[in-house]
């Protein structure tokens, strides 16, 4: 990998370290009692209800659907969503709808949601140049919109089923649809799509505000990872965490390679870019999702840190494999 990618990785760990130090010193407050809101959860809610919706709405409203390379995008998102659903189904079968109904969706996002921005952008630019970066940007444009929308639908359906006052299939479906649509992820996407359909540009002031809020997502999420380590600690067992990490760093890029090359007939740079996008470590949005549903925060935090560290080893392996094709 290029020196630029290593510098970005170092910058990420420094930002995470700053968040850990702040959390360790308890500068923002003490840990909350079970069921309460500690500073890490409060900041996560700020990101989830303010900054992430601004980023999603602006991205969707400005998206030029006519210029997207749909074949390349399909070659990426089809295997990613397939793995997401497989992980979700496996975990759903193993744990059922018990005390942690959101667990299958949290594990699914941990194994499929990559760090396409902080690590993916410098990797694509440094390895593939401007042409590769353009392909990677198109993946980013639909990455959060697609995965978060699918996962929100799944988790809200499980939460509706787990409620003790569930009144049958129709009541469950109505509750799921309502909670899925009126949601800080899906609602801004739908609103952005509606604006996009009008063909009107965003007003300059509104675009400036949304851009300003959206840029806060990256630094806030990185420091949240460190704060979460300080407040929640490392998981008691690493077996499950390393299974998720292996799935993210090895299984997902191999699946994208197989489907993209032999299923969609891609080769050369488009194939290489989407495989490396799939090979990226778990992104920080997975932690926000876990904190939103108060499920496996420590495990998700550990998976993000471990996958980012191990990416230094796995990325050159996939680059060598792609060069041999």
Protein backbone atom coordinates (compact mmCIF):
# COMPACT_ATOMS: atom_id res chain seq x y z
CA UNK A 1 0.00 0.00 0.00
CA UNK A 2 1.06 3.58 -0.52
CA UNK A 3 2.47 5.82 2.19
CA UNK A 4 -0.68 7.95 1.97
CA UNK A 5 -2.83 5.03 3.11
CA UNK A 6 -0.53 4.32 6.05
CA UNK A 7 -0.68 7.99 7.03
CA UNK A 8 -4.48 7.86 6.95
CA UNK A 9 -4.47 4.72 9.11
CA UNK A 10 -2.16 6.43 11.59
CA UNK A 11 -4.40 9.52 11.66
CA UNK A 12 -7.42 7.29 12.36
CA UNK A 13 -5.71 5.62 15.32
CA UNK A 14 -4.62 9.00 16.69
CA UNK A 15 -8.22 10.26 16.54
CA UNK A 16 -9.43 7.05 18.22
CA UNK A 17 -6.71 7.47 20.85
CA UNK A 18 -7.85 11.01 21.59
CA UNK A 19 -11.40 9.76 22.11
CA UNK A 20 -10.14 6.98 24.39
CA UNK A 21 -8.12 9.44 26.47
CA UNK A 22 -11.09 11.79 26.87
CA UNK A 23 -13.30 8.88 27.89
CA UNK A 24 -10.68 7.43 30.22
CA UNK A 25 -10.27 10.76 31.98
CA UNK A 26 -14.08 11.07 32.21
CA UNK A 27 -13.88 14.67 31.04
CA UNK A 28 -17.39 14.44 29.61
CA UNK A 29 -18.87 12.56 32.56
CA UNK A 30 -18.96 9.22 34.32
CA UNK A 31 -20.30 5.97 32.90
CA UNK A 32 -24.06 5.64 33.21
CA UNK A 33 -25.96 2.95 35.06
CA UNK A 34 -27.34 0.08 32.94
CA UNK A 35 -29.99 1.48 30.64
CA UNK A 36 -28.75 5.04 31.09
CA UNK A 37 -27.01 7.39 28.69
CA UNK A 38 -23.26 7.80 29.11
CA UNK A 39 -21.40 10.53 27.16
CA UNK A 40 -20.51 8.11 24.35
CA UNK A 41 -24.16 7.24 23.78
CA UNK A 42 -25.21 10.88 23.96
CA UNK A 43 -22.68 11.86 21.30
CA UNK A 44 -23.72 8.86 19.23
CA UNK A 45 -27.33 10.07 19.36
CA UNK A 46 -26.19 13.53 18.23
CA UNK A 47 -24.47 11.94 15.23
CA UNK A 48 -27.42 9.65 14.50
CA UNK A 49 -30.13 12.32 14.72
CA UNK A 50 -28.32 15.39 13.31
CA UNK A 51 -25.10 14.81 11.41
CA UNK A 52 -25.81 11.48 9.65
CA UNK A 53 -29.27 12.59 8.39
CA UNK A 54 -27.74 15.79 6.99
CA UNK A 55 -25.09 13.77 5.15
CA UNK A 56 -27.63 11.26 3.79
CA UNK A 57 -30.11 13.91 2.61
CA UNK A 58 -27.43 15.97 0.86
CA UNK A 59 -25.91 12.90 -0.81
CA UNK A 60 -29.26 11.63 -2.05
CA UNK A 61 -30.54 15.01 -3.19
CA UNK A 62 -27.38 15.66 -5.26
CA UNK A 63 -27.04 12.15 -6.73
CA UNK A 64 -27.02 12.01 -10.53
CA UNK A 65 -28.67 8.65 -11.15
CA UNK A 66 -28.20 8.83 -14.93
CA UNK A 67 -24.40 8.87 -14.67
CA UNK A 68 -23.93 5.90 -12.33
CA UNK A 69 -22.16 2.73 -13.64
CA UNK A 70 -24.99 0.38 -12.70
CA UNK A 71 -23.24 -2.86 -13.72
CA UNK A 72 -20.24 -2.12 -11.51
CA UNK A 73 -22.48 -1.05 -8.64
CA UNK A 74 -24.58 -4.20 -8.97
CA UNK A 75 -21.41 -6.32 -8.95
CA UNK A 76 -20.55 -4.73 -5.59
CA UNK A 77 -23.91 -4.42 -3.85
CA UNK A 78 -25.45 -7.76 -4.85
CA UNK A 79 -22.81 -9.89 -3.04
CA UNK A 80 -22.60 -7.40 -0.14
CA UNK A 81 -26.35 -7.53 0.47
CA UNK A 82 -26.33 -11.32 0.04
CA UNK A 83 -23.68 -11.66 2.76
CA UNK A 84 -25.55 -9.17 4.94
CA UNK A 85 -28.72 -11.26 4.70
CA UNK A 86 -26.82 -14.52 5.27
CA UNK A 87 -25.12 -13.22 8.42
CA UNK A 88 -28.41 -11.78 9.63
CA UNK A 89 -30.29 -15.03 8.96
CA UNK A 90 -27.62 -17.16 10.65
CA UNK A 91 -27.58 -14.98 13.76
CA UNK A 92 -31.36 -14.77 13.75
CA UNK A 93 -31.54 -18.57 13.69
CA UNK A 94 -28.98 -18.87 16.49
CA UNK A 95 -30.29 -16.26 18.94
CA UNK A 96 -33.94 -15.99 17.88
CA UNK A 97 -35.96 -13.06 19.20
CA UNK A 98 -34.84 -12.91 22.80
CA UNK A 99 -33.27 -10.29 25.01
CA UNK A 100 -31.24 -8.87 22.10
CA UNK A 101 -33.54 -8.65 19.06
CA UNK A 102 -31.17 -6.17 17.37
CA UNK A 103 -28.14 -8.46 17.62
CA UNK A 104 -28.48 -10.12 14.16
CA UNK A 105 -28.64 -6.73 12.42
CA UNK A 106 -25.72 -5.34 14.43
CA UNK A 107 -23.55 -8.31 13.50
CA UNK A 108 -24.65 -8.01 9.88
CA UNK A 109 -23.57 -4.36 9.69
CA UNK A 110 -20.25 -5.18 11.36
CA UNK A 111 -19.42 -7.72 8.65
CA UNK A 112 -20.51 -5.65 5.64
CA UNK A 113 -20.25 -1.89 6.32
CA UNK A 114 -16.78 -0.79 5.26
CA UNK A 115 -14.75 2.32 6.02
CA UNK A 116 -15.19 3.63 2.49
CA UNK A 117 -14.38 7.24 3.33
CA UNK A 118 -11.45 7.61 5.75
CA UNK A 119 -9.52 4.60 4.40
CA UNK A 120 -11.25 3.82 1.10
CA UNK A 121 -10.76 7.20 -0.56
CA UNK A 122 -6.97 7.44 -0.01
CA UNK A 123 -6.59 3.76 -0.93
CA UNK A 124 -8.47 4.18 -4.22
CA UNK A 125 -6.63 7.41 -5.04
CA UNK A 126 -3.19 6.09 -4.11
CA UNK A 127 -3.48 2.69 -5.81
CA UNK A 128 -5.82 3.25 -8.77
CA UNK A 129 -5.47 6.97 -9.50
CA UNK A 130 -8.18 9.38 -10.56
CA UNK A 131 -10.11 6.85 -12.66
CA UNK A 132 -10.27 4.36 -9.80
CA UNK A 133 -11.22 7.06 -7.33
CA UNK A 134 -14.17 8.02 -9.54
CA UNK A 135 -15.48 4.44 -9.40
CA UNK A 136 -14.97 4.32 -5.64
CA UNK A 137 -16.89 7.58 -5.18
CA UNK A 138 -19.89 6.05 -6.96
CA UNK A 139 -19.80 3.16 -4.48
CA UNK A 140 -19.70 5.64 -1.59
CA UNK A 141 -22.70 7.50 -2.99
CA UNK A 142 -24.93 4.45 -2.46
CA UNK A 143 -23.07 2.62 0.31
CA UNK A 144 -24.74 4.02 3.43
CA UNK A 145 -28.04 4.57 1.65
CA UNK A 146 -28.33 0.91 0.66
CA UNK A 147 -26.94 -0.93 3.67
CA UNK A 148 -28.42 1.25 6.40
CA UNK A 149 -31.86 1.20 4.79
CA UNK A 150 -31.88 -2.62 4.52
CA UNK A 151 -30.57 -3.03 8.06
CA UNK A 152 -33.05 -0.53 9.49
CA UNK A 153 -35.92 -2.49 7.97
CA UNK A 154 -34.59 -5.76 9.42
CA UNK A 155 -33.93 -4.45 12.92
CA UNK A 156 -37.23 -2.61 13.20
CA UNK A 157 -39.06 -5.76 12.11
CA UNK A 158 -37.29 -7.77 14.81
CA UNK A 159 -37.98 -5.13 17.45
CA UNK A 160 -41.67 -5.09 16.51
CA UNK A 161 -41.83 -8.88 16.80
CA UNK A 162 -40.10 -8.82 20.19
CA UNK A 163 -42.54 -6.36 21.77
CA UNK A 164 -44.78 -8.09 24.32
CA UNK A 165 -47.83 -6.21 23.02
CA UNK A 166 -47.46 -7.49 19.45
CA UNK A 167 -50.94 -7.95 17.96
CA UNK A 168 -50.35 -10.18 15.02
CA UNK A 169 -48.89 -9.88 11.54
CA UNK A 170 -50.72 -6.74 10.39
CA UNK A 171 -49.95 -4.83 13.58
CA UNK A 172 -46.30 -5.89 13.37
CA UNK A 173 -46.06 -4.79 9.73
CA UNK A 174 -47.70 -1.43 10.47
CA UNK A 175 -45.34 -0.81 13.38
CA UNK A 176 -42.33 -1.84 11.29
CA UNK A 177 -43.25 0.39 8.36
CA UNK A 178 -43.91 3.36 10.63
CA UNK A 179 -40.67 2.97 12.60
CA UNK A 180 -38.68 2.31 9.43
CA UNK A 181 -39.94 5.35 7.54
CA UNK A 182 -39.90 7.77 10.49
CA UNK A 183 -36.27 7.00 11.18
CA UNK A 184 -33.13 9.20 11.15
CA UNK A 185 -31.61 7.05 8.39
CA UNK A 186 -34.51 6.26 6.07
CA UNK A 187 -36.49 9.50 6.32
CA UNK A 188 -33.66 11.76 5.06
CA UNK A 189 -33.01 9.28 2.23
CA UNK A 190 -36.67 9.40 1.15
CA UNK A 191 -36.72 13.18 1.48
CA UNK A 192 -33.52 13.45 -0.54
CA UNK A 193 -34.94 11.19 -3.25
CA UNK A 194 -38.09 13.32 -3.38
CA UNK A 195 -35.98 16.46 -3.78
CA UNK A 196 -33.82 14.73 -6.39
CA UNK A 197 -36.95 13.86 -8.40
CA UNK A 198 -37.87 17.55 -8.69
CA UNK A 199 -34.64 18.24 -10.60
CA UNK A 200 -34.06 21.40 -8.56
CA UNK A 201 -30.64 22.21 -7.11
CA UNK A 202 -30.35 22.64 -3.36
CA UNK A 203 -30.46 26.29 -2.25
CA UNK A 204 -26.93 27.54 -1.59
CA UNK A 205 -27.53 28.25 2.09
CA UNK A 206 -29.21 24.88 2.71
CA UNK A 207 -26.43 23.05 0.86
CA UNK A 208 -23.82 24.88 2.95
CA UNK A 209 -25.57 23.95 6.20
CA UNK A 210 -25.94 20.30 5.20
CA UNK A 211 -22.32 20.09 4.09
CA UNK A 212 -21.14 21.66 7.35
CA UNK A 213 -23.17 19.20 9.43
CA UNK A 214 -22.18 16.23 7.28
CA UNK A 215 -18.46 16.88 7.66
CA UNK A 216 -18.82 16.36 11.43
CA UNK A 217 -19.68 12.67 10.95
CA UNK A 218 -16.12 11.44 10.38
CA UNK A 219 -14.27 13.08 13.32
CA UNK A 220 -17.15 12.47 15.71
CA UNK A 221 -17.39 8.79 14.78
CA UNK A 222 -13.65 8.23 15.16
CA UNK A 223 -13.49 9.79 18.61
CA UNK A 224 -16.61 7.83 19.57
CA UNK A 225 -14.75 4.58 18.88
CA UNK A 226 -12.09 5.57 21.42
CA UNK A 227 -14.66 6.79 23.94
CA UNK A 228 -16.58 3.54 23.60
CA UNK A 229 -13.43 1.57 24.37
CA UNK A 230 -12.96 3.67 27.51
CA UNK A 231 -16.57 3.29 28.70
CA UNK A 232 -17.45 -0.26 27.59
CA UNK A 233 -14.02 -1.92 27.59
CA UNK A 234 -12.98 -4.87 25.44
CA UNK A 235 -15.38 -7.81 25.00
CA UNK A 236 -15.00 -10.74 27.40
CA UNK A 237 -14.48 -13.18 24.55
CA UNK A 238 -12.79 -12.53 21.21
CA UNK A 239 -13.97 -15.61 19.33
CA UNK A 240 -17.12 -13.98 17.99
CA UNK A 241 -15.37 -10.69 17.27
CA UNK A 242 -12.61 -12.29 15.23
CA UNK A 243 -15.22 -14.29 13.32
CA UNK A 244 -16.89 -11.03 12.30
CA UNK A 245 -13.51 -9.50 11.40
CA UNK A 246 -12.56 -12.51 9.26
CA UNK A 247 -15.91 -12.31 7.50
CA UNK A 248 -15.38 -8.60 6.76
CA UNK A 249 -11.73 -8.73 5.68
CA UNK A 250 -11.66 -12.09 3.87
CA UNK A 251 -15.09 -13.54 3.05
CA UNK A 252 -16.71 -10.36 1.73
CA UNK A 253 -13.95 -9.33 -0.73
CA UNK A 254 -13.64 -12.90 -1.98
CA UNK A 255 -17.39 -13.02 -2.56
CA UNK A 256 -17.32 -9.70 -4.43
CA UNK A 257 -14.40 -10.98 -6.52
CA UNK A 258 -16.22 -14.17 -7.47
CA UNK A 259 -19.56 -12.51 -8.22
CA UNK A 260 -18.03 -9.48 -9.92
CA UNK A 261 -15.65 -11.41 -12.17
CA UNK A 262 -17.55 -14.58 -13.00
CA UNK A 263 -21.10 -13.36 -12.39
CA UNK A 264 -21.02 -9.87 -13.94
CA UNK A 265 -18.00 -10.28 -16.21
CA UNK A 266 -15.99 -7.42 -14.72
CA UNK A 267 -12.23 -7.25 -15.02
CA UNK A 268 -9.41 -4.76 -14.75
CA UNK A 269 -9.81 -1.57 -12.73
CA UNK A 270 -13.59 -1.70 -12.07
CA UNK A 271 -13.24 -5.17 -10.58
CA UNK A 272 -10.17 -4.22 -8.55
CA UNK A 273 -11.81 -1.11 -7.12
CA UNK A 274 -14.96 -2.86 -5.89
CA UNK A 275 -12.97 -5.79 -4.45
CA UNK A 276 -10.77 -3.41 -2.47
CA UNK A 277 -13.88 -1.48 -1.38
CA UNK A 278 -15.25 -4.76 -0.02
CA UNK A 279 -11.90 -5.52 1.66
CA UNK A 280 -11.99 -2.34 3.76
CA UNK A 281 -12.21 -2.65 7.55
CA UNK A 282 -15.47 -2.13 9.41
CA UNK A 283 -16.64 1.48 9.30
CA UNK A 284 -17.50 3.61 12.32
CA UNK A 285 -21.19 3.81 11.32
CA UNK A 286 -21.49 0.24 12.61
CA UNK A 287 -20.80 1.55 16.12
CA UNK A 288 -23.43 4.27 15.81
CA UNK A 289 -25.90 1.59 14.71
CA UNK A 290 -24.96 -0.64 17.67
CA UNK A 291 -25.29 2.24 20.13
CA UNK A 292 -28.60 3.28 18.62
CA UNK A 293 -30.03 -0.15 19.52
CA UNK A 294 -27.90 -0.67 22.67
CA UNK A 295 -26.58 -3.99 21.45
CA UNK A 296 -22.99 -5.33 21.32
CA UNK A 297 -21.30 -1.93 21.60
CA UNK A 298 -18.09 -3.42 22.99
CA UNK A 299 -17.94 -6.17 20.36
CA UNK A 300 -18.58 -3.74 17.50
CA UNK A 301 -15.94 -1.33 18.82
CA UNK A 302 -13.41 -4.16 19.08
CA UNK A 303 -14.25 -5.36 15.56
CA UNK A 304 -13.65 -1.87 14.14
CA UNK A 305 -10.26 -1.55 15.84
CA UNK A 306 -9.13 -5.11 15.06
CA UNK A 307 -10.21 -5.00 11.42
CA UNK A 308 -8.44 -1.67 10.91
CA UNK A 309 -5.22 -3.09 12.35
CA UNK A 310 -5.42 -6.32 10.33
CA UNK A 311 -6.26 -4.43 7.13
CA UNK A 312 -2.55 -3.60 6.89
CA UNK A 313 -1.98 -7.33 6.32
CA UNK A 314 -5.03 -8.33 4.27
CA UNK A 315 -5.04 -5.39 1.83
CA UNK A 316 -1.68 -6.28 0.19
CA UNK A 317 -2.88 -9.88 -0.15
CA UNK A 318 -5.92 -8.86 -2.19
CA UNK A 319 -3.91 -6.36 -4.24
CA UNK A 320 -1.50 -9.19 -5.13
CA UNK A 321 -4.39 -11.52 -5.97
CA UNK A 322 -5.97 -8.92 -8.26
CA UNK A 323 -2.64 -8.29 -9.99
CA UNK A 324 -2.38 -12.02 -10.75
CA UNK A 325 -5.76 -12.20 -12.48
